[in-house]
Amino acid sequence: MELFCRLLLYCQWADRIRAAATEMAFLLRKLRDLCSSIMKPAERSKLTLFILELSSKGERMPVLLVILPLSKGLVLQAVETALAFVVILYQFRIMEEQKDIP
């Protein structure tokens, strides 16, 4: 149970980080567009590159074992898999009990 709670917390923070990165990229785009008349072209291009980097890293931020992106969806998949195993084990137990009844 403790490991499940830790996984839930990790996934929740990963979702928050991803959302914050997306929001920051959006706000920086608005700032860049609003201040385009007073920004130097070099500053504008640096800001654009930073926005692009932030956007691309925001999509692939925290992952588990290099293949599973941490998100609340991962927790739901883990719960679904665990419940499926419980149901299968319960069905096997019922079959075994039925074999024992004469």
N, C-alpha and C. Protein backbone atom coordinates (compact mmCIF):
# COMPACT_ATOMS: atom_id res chain seq x y z
N MET A 1 0.82 -1.19 0.00
CA MET A 1 0.00 0.00 0.00
C MET A 1 0.87 1.27 0.00
N GLU A 2 1.98 1.20 0.75
CA GLU A 2 2.87 2.35 0.81
C GLU A 2 3.46 2.65 -0.57
N LEU A 3 3.82 1.61 -1.31
CA LEU A 3 4.39 1.81 -2.65
C LEU A 3 3.36 2.41 -3.60
N PHE A 4 2.11 1.96 -3.46
CA PHE A 4 1.04 2.51 -4.30
C PHE A 4 0.85 4.00 -4.01
N CYS A 5 0.88 4.37 -2.73
CA CYS A 5 0.74 5.79 -2.36
C CYS A 5 1.90 6.62 -2.90
N ARG A 6 3.09 6.06 -2.85
CA ARG A 6 4.25 6.77 -3.41
C ARG A 6 4.11 6.96 -4.91
N LEU A 7 3.67 5.91 -5.60
CA LEU A 7 3.46 6.01 -7.04
C LEU A 7 2.42 7.08 -7.36
N LEU A 8 1.36 7.11 -6.57
CA LEU A 8 0.32 8.12 -6.78
C LEU A 8 0.88 9.53 -6.58
N LEU A 9 1.69 9.71 -5.56
CA LEU A 9 2.29 11.03 -5.33
C LEU A 9 3.26 11.42 -6.45
N TYR A 10 4.09 10.47 -6.88
CA TYR A 10 5.02 10.76 -7.98
C TYR A 10 4.26 11.16 -9.24
N CYS A 11 3.20 10.41 -9.53
CA CYS A 11 2.43 10.70 -10.74
C CYS A 11 1.72 12.04 -10.64
N GLN A 12 1.22 12.36 -9.44
CA GLN A 12 0.56 13.64 -9.27
C GLN A 12 1.54 14.80 -9.48
N TRP A 13 2.74 14.68 -8.92
CA TRP A 13 3.74 15.74 -9.10
C TRP A 13 4.21 15.81 -10.55
N ALA A 14 4.31 14.68 -11.20
CA ALA A 14 4.70 14.70 -12.62
C ALA A 14 3.66 15.43 -13.45
N ASP A 15 2.38 15.19 -13.16
CA ASP A 15 1.32 15.91 -13.87
C ASP A 15 1.39 17.40 -13.60
N ARG A 16 1.67 17.77 -12.35
CA ARG A 16 1.77 19.20 -12.02
C ARG A 16 2.95 19.85 -12.73
N ILE A 17 4.08 19.16 -12.79
CA ILE A 17 5.25 19.71 -13.48
C ILE A 17 4.94 19.89 -14.96
N ARG A 18 4.31 18.89 -15.56
CA ARG A 18 3.96 18.96 -16.98
C ARG A 18 3.00 20.12 -17.24
N ALA A 19 2.00 20.28 -16.36
CA ALA A 19 1.02 21.37 -16.53
C ALA A 19 1.68 22.73 -16.34
N ALA A 20 2.59 22.83 -15.36
CA ALA A 20 3.28 24.10 -15.13
C ALA A 20 4.16 24.47 -16.31
N ALA A 21 4.84 23.49 -16.89
CA ALA A 21 5.69 23.76 -18.06
C ALA A 21 4.85 24.22 -19.25
N THR A 22 3.71 23.58 -19.44
CA THR A 22 2.82 23.97 -20.53
C THR A 22 2.28 25.39 -20.32
N GLU A 23 1.88 25.69 -19.08
CA GLU A 23 1.36 27.02 -18.78
C GLU A 23 2.44 28.08 -18.94
N MET A 24 3.66 27.76 -18.50
CA MET A 24 4.74 28.72 -18.62
C MET A 24 5.07 29.00 -20.09
N ALA A 25 5.06 27.97 -20.90
CA ALA A 25 5.33 28.17 -22.33
C ALA A 25 4.24 29.06 -22.95
N PHE A 26 2.99 28.85 -22.55
CA PHE A 26 1.89 29.67 -23.07
C PHE A 26 2.07 31.14 -22.66
N LEU A 27 2.39 31.36 -21.37
CA LEU A 27 2.57 32.73 -20.89
C LEU A 27 3.77 33.41 -21.53
N LEU A 28 4.83 32.67 -21.74
CA LEU A 28 6.01 33.26 -22.40
C LEU A 28 5.71 33.62 -23.85
N ARG A 29 4.89 32.80 -24.52
CA ARG A 29 4.50 33.14 -25.90
C ARG A 29 3.71 34.45 -25.92
N LYS A 30 2.76 34.58 -24.96
CA LYS A 30 1.98 35.81 -24.89
C LYS A 30 2.88 37.01 -24.61
N LEU A 31 3.80 36.85 -23.68
CA LEU A 31 4.72 37.93 -23.34
C LEU A 31 5.58 38.32 -24.55
N ARG A 32 6.07 37.32 -25.25
CA ARG A 32 6.90 37.58 -26.44
C ARG A 32 6.10 38.34 -27.49
N ASP A 33 4.84 37.92 -27.69
CA ASP A 33 4.03 38.57 -28.71
C ASP A 33 3.62 39.99 -28.31
N LEU A 34 3.35 40.18 -27.01
CA LEU A 34 2.94 41.51 -26.55
C LEU A 34 4.11 42.50 -26.56
N CYS A 35 5.30 42.01 -26.27
CA CYS A 35 6.48 42.89 -26.18
C CYS A 35 7.34 42.84 -27.43
N SER A 36 6.80 42.40 -28.53
CA SER A 36 7.61 42.25 -29.74
C SER A 36 8.14 43.58 -30.25
N SER A 37 7.41 44.66 -29.99
CA SER A 37 7.86 45.95 -30.51
C SER A 37 9.04 46.52 -29.72
N ILE A 38 9.20 46.14 -28.46
CA ILE A 38 10.30 46.70 -27.66
C ILE A 38 11.46 45.73 -27.49
N MET A 39 11.29 44.49 -27.94
CA MET A 39 12.37 43.50 -27.80
C MET A 39 13.31 43.57 -28.99
N LYS A 40 14.57 43.34 -28.70
CA LYS A 40 15.55 43.23 -29.77
C LYS A 40 15.37 41.86 -30.44
N PRO A 41 15.70 41.78 -31.73
CA PRO A 41 15.54 40.50 -32.43
C PRO A 41 16.32 39.36 -31.78
N ALA A 42 17.50 39.65 -31.26
CA ALA A 42 18.30 38.59 -30.61
C ALA A 42 17.60 38.08 -29.35
N GLU A 43 17.03 39.01 -28.58
CA GLU A 43 16.30 38.60 -27.37
C GLU A 43 15.06 37.79 -27.72
N ARG A 44 14.38 38.25 -28.77
CA ARG A 44 13.16 37.55 -29.21
C ARG A 44 13.49 36.13 -29.67
N SER A 45 14.58 35.96 -30.39
CA SER A 45 14.94 34.62 -30.87
C SER A 45 15.38 33.73 -29.71
N LYS A 46 16.09 34.30 -28.72
CA LYS A 46 16.46 33.51 -27.54
C LYS A 46 15.23 33.06 -26.78
N LEU A 47 14.27 33.96 -26.63
CA LEU A 47 13.03 33.61 -25.93
C LEU A 47 12.26 32.56 -26.70
N THR A 48 12.24 32.68 -28.01
CA THR A 48 11.56 31.68 -28.85
C THR A 48 12.21 30.31 -28.71
N LEU A 49 13.53 30.27 -28.72
CA LEU A 49 14.23 28.99 -28.54
C LEU A 49 13.95 28.39 -27.16
N PHE A 50 13.90 29.23 -26.13
CA PHE A 50 13.59 28.74 -24.80
C PHE A 50 12.17 28.19 -24.73
N ILE A 51 11.23 28.86 -25.38
CA ILE A 51 9.84 28.39 -25.41
C ILE A 51 9.77 27.04 -26.12
N LEU A 52 10.47 26.90 -27.22
CA LEU A 52 10.48 25.63 -27.94
C LEU A 52 11.08 24.52 -27.10
N GLU A 53 12.17 24.82 -26.41
CA GLU A 53 12.81 23.82 -25.55
C GLU A 53 11.90 23.43 -24.39
N LEU A 54 11.26 24.42 -23.80
CA LEU A 54 10.34 24.15 -22.69
C LEU A 54 9.15 23.33 -23.15
N SER A 55 8.63 23.64 -24.31
CA SER A 55 7.48 22.89 -24.84
C SER A 55 7.85 21.44 -25.14
N SER A 56 9.02 21.23 -25.73
CA SER A 56 9.42 19.86 -26.08
C SER A 56 9.75 19.05 -24.83
N LYS A 57 10.35 19.67 -23.82
CA LYS A 57 10.65 18.94 -22.59
C LYS A 57 9.41 18.72 -21.76
N GLY A 58 8.44 19.62 -21.86
CA GLY A 58 7.20 19.46 -21.11
C GLY A 58 6.42 18.23 -21.54
N GLU A 59 6.53 17.86 -22.80
CA GLU A 59 5.80 16.70 -23.31
C GLU A 59 6.42 15.39 -22.83
N ARG A 60 7.72 15.38 -22.59
CA ARG A 60 8.38 14.12 -22.24
C ARG A 60 9.11 14.23 -20.91
N MET A 61 8.51 14.90 -19.96
CA MET A 61 9.19 15.13 -18.69
C MET A 61 9.40 13.84 -17.90
N PRO A 62 8.87 13.69 -16.72
CA PRO A 62 9.20 12.52 -15.90
C PRO A 62 8.70 11.21 -16.49
N VAL A 63 9.58 10.22 -16.53
CA VAL A 63 9.22 8.90 -17.03
C VAL A 63 9.70 7.84 -16.04
N LEU A 64 9.10 6.68 -16.13
CA LEU A 64 9.46 5.56 -15.28
C LEU A 64 10.10 4.48 -16.15
N LEU A 65 11.27 4.07 -15.80
CA LEU A 65 12.02 3.04 -16.55
C LEU A 65 12.21 3.42 -18.01
N VAL A 66 12.35 4.67 -18.29
CA VAL A 66 12.62 5.24 -19.61
C VAL A 66 11.50 5.03 -20.61
N ILE A 67 10.46 4.29 -20.27
CA ILE A 67 9.41 4.02 -21.26
C ILE A 67 8.02 4.46 -20.82
N LEU A 68 7.75 4.50 -19.53
CA LEU A 68 6.41 4.83 -19.06
C LEU A 68 6.35 6.27 -18.57
N PRO A 69 5.57 7.11 -19.22
CA PRO A 69 5.44 8.48 -18.71
C PRO A 69 4.64 8.47 -17.41
N LEU A 70 5.16 9.16 -16.41
CA LEU A 70 4.46 9.23 -15.14
C LEU A 70 3.27 10.16 -15.27
N SER A 71 2.10 9.63 -14.99
CA SER A 71 0.88 10.43 -15.00
C SER A 71 -0.17 9.68 -14.19
N LYS A 72 -1.27 10.36 -13.94
CA LYS A 72 -2.33 9.71 -13.18
C LYS A 72 -2.92 8.53 -13.97
N GLY A 73 -2.79 8.56 -15.26
CA GLY A 73 -3.25 7.44 -16.09
C GLY A 73 -2.49 6.17 -15.78
N LEU A 74 -1.22 6.31 -15.44
CA LEU A 74 -0.40 5.15 -15.07
C LEU A 74 -0.94 4.48 -13.81
N VAL A 75 -1.37 5.30 -12.85
CA VAL A 75 -1.95 4.76 -11.61
C VAL A 75 -3.23 4.00 -11.93
N LEU A 76 -4.06 4.56 -12.79
CA LEU A 76 -5.30 3.89 -13.17
C LEU A 76 -5.01 2.56 -13.86
N GLN A 77 -4.01 2.52 -14.72
CA GLN A 77 -3.64 1.27 -15.38
C GLN A 77 -3.14 0.24 -14.38
N ALA A 78 -2.38 0.69 -13.37
CA ALA A 78 -1.88 -0.24 -12.35
C ALA A 78 -3.03 -0.81 -11.54
N VAL A 79 -4.00 0.02 -11.20
CA VAL A 79 -5.17 -0.46 -10.44
C VAL A 79 -5.98 -1.42 -11.29
N GLU A 80 -6.18 -1.12 -12.54
CA GLU A 80 -6.92 -2.01 -13.43
C GLU A 80 -6.24 -3.38 -13.54
N THR A 81 -4.93 -3.37 -13.69
CA THR A 81 -4.19 -4.62 -13.79
C THR A 81 -4.28 -5.42 -12.50
N ALA A 82 -4.13 -4.76 -11.37
CA ALA A 82 -4.22 -5.46 -10.08
C ALA A 82 -5.61 -6.05 -9.88
N LEU A 83 -6.65 -5.30 -10.22
CA LEU A 83 -8.01 -5.82 -10.07
C LEU A 83 -8.27 -7.00 -11.01
N ALA A 84 -7.71 -6.94 -12.20
CA ALA A 84 -7.87 -8.06 -13.13
C ALA A 84 -7.22 -9.32 -12.56
N PHE A 85 -6.04 -9.20 -11.96
CA PHE A 85 -5.40 -10.35 -11.34
C PHE A 85 -6.21 -10.88 -10.17
N VAL A 86 -6.78 -9.99 -9.38
CA VAL A 86 -7.61 -10.43 -8.25
C VAL A 86 -8.83 -11.19 -8.74
N VAL A 87 -9.46 -10.72 -9.79
CA VAL A 87 -10.63 -11.41 -10.34
C VAL A 87 -10.24 -12.79 -10.87
N ILE A 88 -9.13 -12.87 -11.57
CA ILE A 88 -8.68 -14.16 -12.11
C ILE A 88 -8.37 -15.14 -10.98
N LEU A 89 -7.67 -14.67 -9.95
CA LEU A 89 -7.36 -15.55 -8.82
C LEU A 89 -8.64 -15.99 -8.11
N TYR A 90 -9.60 -15.11 -7.99
CA TYR A 90 -10.88 -15.46 -7.37
C TYR A 90 -11.60 -16.52 -8.19
N GLN A 91 -11.57 -16.39 -9.51
CA GLN A 91 -12.22 -17.39 -10.37
C GLN A 91 -11.54 -18.75 -10.23
N PHE A 92 -10.20 -18.77 -10.16
CA PHE A 92 -9.50 -20.03 -9.95
C PHE A 92 -9.87 -20.65 -8.61
N ARG A 93 -9.99 -19.83 -7.59
CA ARG A 93 -10.37 -20.33 -6.26
C ARG A 93 -11.76 -20.94 -6.28
N ILE A 94 -12.69 -20.30 -6.96
CA ILE A 94 -14.05 -20.83 -7.06
C ILE A 94 -14.03 -22.16 -7.82
N MET A 95 -13.24 -22.26 -8.88
CA MET A 95 -13.15 -23.52 -9.64
C MET A 95 -12.58 -24.64 -8.77
N GLU A 96 -11.57 -24.32 -7.97
CA GLU A 96 -10.98 -25.32 -7.09
C GLU A 96 -11.98 -25.78 -6.04
N GLU A 97 -12.75 -24.85 -5.49
CA GLU A 97 -13.76 -25.22 -4.50
C GLU A 97 -14.84 -26.09 -5.11
N GLN A 98 -15.20 -25.83 -6.35
CA GLN A 98 -16.23 -26.63 -7.01
C GLN A 98 -15.73 -28.05 -7.29
N LYS A 99 -14.43 -28.20 -7.54
CA LYS A 99 -13.87 -29.53 -7.77
C LYS A 99 -13.88 -30.35 -6.49
N ASP A 100 -13.69 -29.67 -5.35
CA ASP A 100 -13.65 -30.36 -4.06
C ASP A 100 -15.03 -30.83 -3.61
N ILE A 101 -16.10 -30.20 -4.08
CA ILE A 101 -17.45 -30.58 -3.67
C ILE A 101 -17.85 -31.86 -4.43
N PRO A 102 -18.26 -32.90 -3.69
CA PRO A 102 -18.64 -34.17 -4.37
C PRO A 102 -19.98 -34.11 -5.04
